[in-house]
Amino acid sequence: MKRIFIVIISTFVLCGSCKETIPAFSQQMRRYLPYQDGNIVLYTSSVNDTIQFVANNVDFTDEHKHSFGCKCGGVTELKGNMQSETLSIEYLMICDESKIEINAMIKHDEIVVKTYSKKYSYNSYAEDVIDLIGDTITLQSDNGDNMILRKDEGIICLSIDDLKYQIIL
């Protein structure tokens, strides 16, 4: 009987020991990738090649509480996909209290052709991350190509197969 009582008490302690509230993914950070499912985004290259992407599978962390088995750390994320006939852009933005990591992959028929990334370190208790980042984020690929994200516009510039594409507004 004593063992059962100890197991029951231990379970309550474990389940109730971590009730940290993790905020929803930042509305301010969502402004850099402001897509919603069904949005259509057009890009044109310097040789007038036009690509149309449709946003889908856009998802972001809602406010939630950790409980049993928590991994307390305040990690939130935004992820999504933009799809054309044969190309896709998959993106992921992860935020916690000390860093932001942004990754984007361009795939051609499910084969990764280019990856872009950018990391920011900051102190969430002393710095406003938006002041640190500004209005534009420049992601870089291994070969030095850039993908540019602009607040409220999303991905405004990217490179595919050595061609630079600009958003058509």
C-alpha atoms as a PDB file:
ATOM      1  CA  MET A   1       0.000   0.000   0.000  1.00  0.00           C
ATOM      2  CA  LYS A   2       2.853   2.334   0.853  1.00  0.00           C
ATOM      3  CA  ARG A   3       4.438   1.705  -2.577  1.00  0.00           C
ATOM      4  CA  ILE A   4       1.203   2.532  -4.386  1.00  0.00           C
ATOM      5  CA  PHE A   5       0.887   5.754  -2.399  1.00  0.00           C
ATOM      6  CA  ILE A   6       4.494   6.743  -3.307  1.00  0.00           C
ATOM      7  CA  VAL A   7       3.869   6.002  -6.997  1.00  0.00           C
ATOM      8  CA  ILE A   8       0.674   8.090  -6.977  1.00  0.00           C
ATOM      9  CA  ILE A   9       2.384  11.034  -5.238  1.00  0.00           C
ATOM     10  CA  SER A  10       5.383  10.800  -7.602  1.00  0.00           C
ATOM     11  CA  THR A  11       3.079  10.864 -10.617  1.00  0.00           C
ATOM     12  CA  PHE A  12       1.336  14.012  -9.357  1.00  0.00           C
ATOM     13  CA  VAL A  13       4.671  15.688  -8.656  1.00  0.00           C
ATOM     14  CA  LEU A  14       6.003  14.829 -12.137  1.00  0.00           C
ATOM     15  CA  CYS A  15       2.832  15.887 -13.902  1.00  0.00           C
ATOM     16  CA  GLY A  16       2.569  19.139 -12.041  1.00  0.00           C
ATOM     17  CA  SER A  17       6.234  20.047 -11.739  1.00  0.00           C
ATOM     18  CA  CYS A  18       6.538  21.960 -14.969  1.00  0.00           C
ATOM     19  CA  LYS A  19       3.665  24.173 -15.952  1.00  0.00           C
ATOM     20  CA  GLU A  20       5.644  26.715 -17.898  1.00  0.00           C
ATOM     21  CA  THR A  21       3.512  28.593 -20.409  1.00  0.00           C
ATOM     22  CA  ILE A  22       5.178  28.745 -23.787  1.00  0.00           C
ATOM     23  CA  PRO A  23       3.935  31.725 -25.799  1.00  0.00           C
ATOM     24  CA  ALA A  24       2.630  31.436 -29.341  1.00  0.00           C
ATOM     25  CA  PHE A  25       5.081  32.048 -32.168  1.00  0.00           C
ATOM     26  CA  SER A  26       5.773  35.787 -32.280  1.00  0.00           C
ATOM     27  CA  GLN A  27       3.385  37.822 -34.440  1.00  0.00           C
ATOM     28  CA  GLN A  28       6.309  40.160 -35.178  1.00  0.00           C
ATOM     29  CA  MET A  29       8.455  37.286 -36.490  1.00  0.00           C
ATOM     30  CA  ARG A  30       5.559  35.920 -38.573  1.00  0.00           C
ATOM     31  CA  ARG A  31       5.662  39.178 -40.540  1.00  0.00           C
ATOM     32  CA  TYR A  32       8.863  37.977 -42.302  1.00  0.00           C
ATOM     33  CA  LEU A  33       7.070  34.895 -43.693  1.00  0.00           C
ATOM     34  CA  PRO A  34       3.472  36.187 -43.752  1.00  0.00           C
ATOM     35  CA  TYR A  35       2.010  33.427 -45.905  1.00  0.00           C
ATOM     36  CA  GLN A  36      -1.307  31.715 -45.376  1.00  0.00           C
ATOM     37  CA  ASP A  37      -2.455  28.529 -47.073  1.00  0.00           C
ATOM     38  CA  GLY A  38      -3.564  29.326 -50.631  1.00  0.00           C
ATOM     39  CA  ASN A  39      -1.539  32.540 -51.072  1.00  0.00           C
ATOM     40  CA  ILE A  40      -0.108  32.835 -54.591  1.00  0.00           C
ATOM     41  CA  VAL A  41       3.346  34.394 -54.980  1.00  0.00           C
ATOM     42  CA  LEU A  42       4.881  35.226 -58.366  1.00  0.00           C
ATOM     43  CA  TYR A  43       8.585  35.640 -59.136  1.00  0.00           C
ATOM     44  CA  THR A  44      10.353  36.674 -62.331  1.00  0.00           C
ATOM     45  CA  SER A  45      13.987  36.225 -63.333  1.00  0.00           C
ATOM     46  CA  SER A  46      16.326  38.527 -65.242  1.00  0.00           C
ATOM     47  CA  VAL A  47      15.534  36.499 -68.389  1.00  0.00           C
ATOM     48  CA  ASN A  48      11.768  36.936 -67.816  1.00  0.00           C
ATOM     49  CA  ASP A  49      11.199  33.381 -66.598  1.00  0.00           C
ATOM     50  CA  THR A  50       8.165  33.476 -64.287  1.00  0.00           C
ATOM     51  CA  ILE A  51       7.422  31.034 -61.476  1.00  0.00           C
ATOM     52  CA  GLN A  52       4.171  30.863 -59.510  1.00  0.00           C
ATOM     53  CA  PHE A  53       4.207  29.382 -56.009  1.00  0.00           C
ATOM     54  CA  VAL A  54       1.209  28.504 -53.846  1.00  0.00           C
ATOM     55  CA  ALA A  55       1.665  28.537 -50.062  1.00  0.00           C
ATOM     56  CA  ASN A  56       0.477  25.499 -48.149  1.00  0.00           C
ATOM     57  CA  ASN A  57       1.015  23.600 -44.891  1.00  0.00           C
ATOM     58  CA  VAL A  58       1.685  26.878 -43.043  1.00  0.00           C
ATOM     59  CA  ASP A  59       1.807  26.122 -39.329  1.00  0.00           C
ATOM     60  CA  PHE A  60       3.096  27.865 -36.223  1.00  0.00           C
ATOM     61  CA  THR A  61       3.258  27.156 -32.512  1.00  0.00           C
ATOM     62  CA  ASP A  62       0.225  28.222 -30.477  1.00  0.00           C
ATOM     63  CA  GLU A  63       0.507  29.155 -26.816  1.00  0.00           C
ATOM     64  CA  HIS A  64       0.703  26.011 -24.728  1.00  0.00           C
ATOM     65  CA  LYS A  65       1.722  24.681 -21.325  1.00  0.00           C
ATOM     66  CA  HIS A  66       4.290  22.036 -20.672  1.00  0.00           C
ATOM     67  CA  SER A  67       3.349  19.329 -18.241  1.00  0.00           C
ATOM     68  CA  PHE A  68       4.458  15.722 -17.843  1.00  0.00           C
ATOM     69  CA  GLY A  69       7.646  15.017 -19.782  1.00  0.00           C
ATOM     70  CA  CYS A  70       8.218  18.662 -20.551  1.00  0.00           C
ATOM     71  CA  LYS A  71      11.282  19.903 -22.376  1.00  0.00           C
ATOM     72  CA  CYS A  72      11.002  23.406 -20.931  1.00  0.00           C
ATOM     73  CA  GLY A  73      12.868  25.823 -23.099  1.00  0.00           C
ATOM     74  CA  GLY A  74      10.335  28.096 -24.704  1.00  0.00           C
ATOM     75  CA  VAL A  75      10.918  26.878 -28.265  1.00  0.00           C
ATOM     76  CA  THR A  76       8.378  28.066 -30.832  1.00  0.00           C
ATOM     77  CA  GLU A  77       8.374  27.582 -34.588  1.00  0.00           C
ATOM     78  CA  LEU A  78       6.865  28.634 -37.881  1.00  0.00           C
ATOM     79  CA  LYS A  79       6.991  26.326 -40.885  1.00  0.00           C
ATOM     80  CA  GLY A  80       5.476  26.169 -44.316  1.00  0.00           C
ATOM     81  CA  ASN A  81       5.834  25.269 -47.958  1.00  0.00           C
ATOM     82  CA  MET A  82       5.453  27.106 -51.252  1.00  0.00           C
ATOM     83  CA  GLN A  83       4.800  24.842 -54.224  1.00  0.00           C
ATOM     84  CA  SER A  84       5.049  25.344 -58.001  1.00  0.00           C
ATOM     85  CA  GLU A  85       4.674  22.634 -60.647  1.00  0.00           C
ATOM     86  CA  THR A  86       8.115  21.098 -60.049  1.00  0.00           C
ATOM     87  CA  LEU A  87       9.733  23.353 -57.429  1.00  0.00           C
ATOM     88  CA  SER A  88       9.047  23.847 -53.758  1.00  0.00           C
ATOM     89  CA  ILE A  89      10.400  26.129 -51.062  1.00  0.00           C
ATOM     90  CA  GLU A  90      10.200  24.701 -47.559  1.00  0.00           C
ATOM     91  CA  TYR A  91      10.917  27.051 -44.679  1.00  0.00           C
ATOM     92  CA  LEU A  92      11.326  26.733 -40.921  1.00  0.00           C
ATOM     93  CA  MET A  93      11.881  29.476 -38.344  1.00  0.00           C
ATOM     94  CA  ILE A  94      12.719  28.369 -34.789  1.00  0.00           C
ATOM     95  CA  CYS A  95      12.806  30.810 -31.874  1.00  0.00           C
ATOM     96  CA  ASP A  96      13.758  30.375 -28.250  1.00  0.00           C
ATOM     97  CA  GLU A  97      14.907  32.767 -25.553  1.00  0.00           C
ATOM     98  CA  SER A  98      18.478  33.044 -26.889  1.00  0.00           C
ATOM     99  CA  LYS A  99      18.425  32.493 -30.659  1.00  0.00           C
ATOM    100  CA  ILE A 100      16.460  32.529 -33.870  1.00  0.00           C
ATOM    101  CA  GLU A 101      17.285  30.099 -36.651  1.00  0.00           C
ATOM    102  CA  ILE A 102      15.794  30.437 -40.130  1.00  0.00           C
ATOM    103  CA  ASN A 103      16.208  27.725 -42.772  1.00  0.00           C
ATOM    104  CA  ALA A 104      14.818  27.438 -46.291  1.00  0.00           C
ATOM    105  CA  MET A 105      15.234  24.645 -48.831  1.00  0.00           C
ATOM    106  CA  ILE A 106      14.521  24.739 -52.533  1.00  0.00           C
ATOM    107  CA  LYS A 107      13.600  21.359 -53.967  1.00  0.00           C
ATOM    108  CA  HIS A 108      13.145  20.264 -57.562  1.00  0.00           C
ATOM    109  CA  ASP A 109      10.941  17.173 -57.774  1.00  0.00           C
ATOM    110  CA  GLU A 110      11.676  16.451 -54.068  1.00  0.00           C
ATOM    111  CA  ILE A 111      15.480  16.691 -54.544  1.00  0.00           C
ATOM    112  CA  VAL A 112      17.149  19.460 -52.530  1.00  0.00           C
ATOM    113  CA  VAL A 113      18.920  21.835 -54.917  1.00  0.00           C
ATOM    114  CA  LYS A 114      19.765  24.664 -52.521  1.00  0.00           C
ATOM    115  CA  THR A 115      19.566  25.479 -48.816  1.00  0.00           C
ATOM    116  CA  TYR A 116      19.641  28.892 -47.183  1.00  0.00           C
ATOM    117  CA  SER A 117      20.057  29.742 -43.506  1.00  0.00           C
ATOM    118  CA  LYS A 118      20.599  32.508 -40.964  1.00  0.00           C
ATOM    119  CA  LYS A 119      21.022  32.477 -37.175  1.00  0.00           C
ATOM    120  CA  TYR A 120      20.645  35.314 -34.708  1.00  0.00           C
ATOM    121  CA  SER A 121      21.806  35.144 -31.106  1.00  0.00           C
ATOM    122  CA  TYR A 122      20.245  37.511 -28.628  1.00  0.00           C
ATOM    123  CA  ASN A 123      19.214  37.919 -25.006  1.00  0.00           C
ATOM    124  CA  SER A 124      15.418  37.908 -24.862  1.00  0.00           C
ATOM    125  CA  TYR A 125      15.509  39.621 -21.477  1.00  0.00           C
ATOM    126  CA  ALA A 126      17.622  42.561 -22.688  1.00  0.00           C
ATOM    127  CA  GLU A 127      17.067  42.897 -26.456  1.00  0.00           C
ATOM    128  CA  ASP A 128      14.080  43.267 -28.734  1.00  0.00           C
ATOM    129  CA  VAL A 129      14.792  40.808 -31.529  1.00  0.00           C
ATOM    130  CA  ILE A 130      12.971  42.951 -34.105  1.00  0.00           C
ATOM    131  CA  ASP A 131      15.352  45.840 -33.359  1.00  0.00           C
ATOM    132  CA  LEU A 132      18.248  43.413 -33.868  1.00  0.00           C
ATOM    133  CA  ILE A 133      16.935  42.085 -37.207  1.00  0.00           C
ATOM    134  CA  GLY A 134      15.437  45.190 -38.825  1.00  0.00           C
ATOM    135  CA  ASP A 135      13.101  45.095 -41.829  1.00  0.00           C
ATOM    136  CA  THR A 136      15.120  42.638 -43.934  1.00  0.00           C
ATOM    137  CA  ILE A 137      16.631  39.206 -43.297  1.00  0.00           C
ATOM    138  CA  THR A 138      19.272  37.870 -45.695  1.00  0.00           C
ATOM    139  CA  LEU A 139      19.656  34.100 -45.689  1.00  0.00           C
ATOM    140  CA  GLN A 140      22.782  32.655 -47.310  1.00  0.00           C
ATOM    141  CA  SER A 141      23.456  29.411 -49.133  1.00  0.00           C
ATOM    142  CA  ASP A 142      26.776  27.535 -49.067  1.00  0.00           C
ATOM    143  CA  ASN A 143      27.778  28.992 -52.440  1.00  0.00           C
ATOM    144  CA  GLY A 144      27.069  32.587 -51.359  1.00  0.00           C
ATOM    145  CA  ASP A 145      23.656  33.056 -52.996  1.00  0.00           C
ATOM    146  CA  ASN A 146      21.097  35.017 -50.982  1.00  0.00           C
ATOM    147  CA  MET A 147      17.412  34.660 -50.218  1.00  0.00           C
ATOM    148  CA  ILE A 148      15.953  37.899 -48.906  1.00  0.00           C
ATOM    149  CA  LEU A 149      12.958  38.100 -46.574  1.00  0.00           C
ATOM    150  CA  ARG A 150      11.282  41.462 -46.046  1.00  0.00           C
ATOM    151  CA  LYS A 151       8.870  42.220 -43.251  1.00  0.00           C
ATOM    152  CA  ASP A 152       5.232  42.028 -44.467  1.00  0.00           C
ATOM    153  CA  GLU A 153       6.299  40.834 -47.961  1.00  0.00           C
ATOM    154  CA  GLY A 154       7.970  37.462 -47.314  1.00  0.00           C
ATOM    155  CA  ILE A 155      10.573  36.051 -49.680  1.00  0.00           C
ATOM    156  CA  ILE A 156      11.321  38.866 -52.126  1.00  0.00           C
ATOM    157  CA  CYS A 157      14.457  37.506 -53.802  1.00  0.00           C
ATOM    158  CA  LEU A 158      16.006  34.063 -54.317  1.00  0.00           C
ATOM    159  CA  SER A 159      18.305  32.148 -56.670  1.00  0.00           C
ATOM    160  CA  ILE A 160      17.445  28.946 -58.515  1.00  0.00           C
ATOM    161  CA  ASP A 161      19.865  27.308 -60.971  1.00  0.00           C
ATOM    162  CA  ASP A 162      22.073  30.422 -61.107  1.00  0.00           C
ATOM    163  CA  LEU A 163      19.104  32.659 -61.964  1.00  0.00           C
ATOM    164  CA  LYS A 164      18.020  35.384 -59.551  1.00  0.00           C
ATOM    165  CA  TYR A 165      14.261  35.747 -59.068  1.00  0.00           C
ATOM    166  CA  GLN A 166      12.457  38.819 -57.708  1.00  0.00           C
ATOM    167  CA  ILE A 167       8.931  38.904 -56.362  1.00  0.00           C
ATOM    168  CA  ILE A 168       6.277  40.483 -58.590  1.00  0.00           C
ATOM    169  CA  LEU A 169       4.117  42.710 -56.415  1.00  0.00           C
END
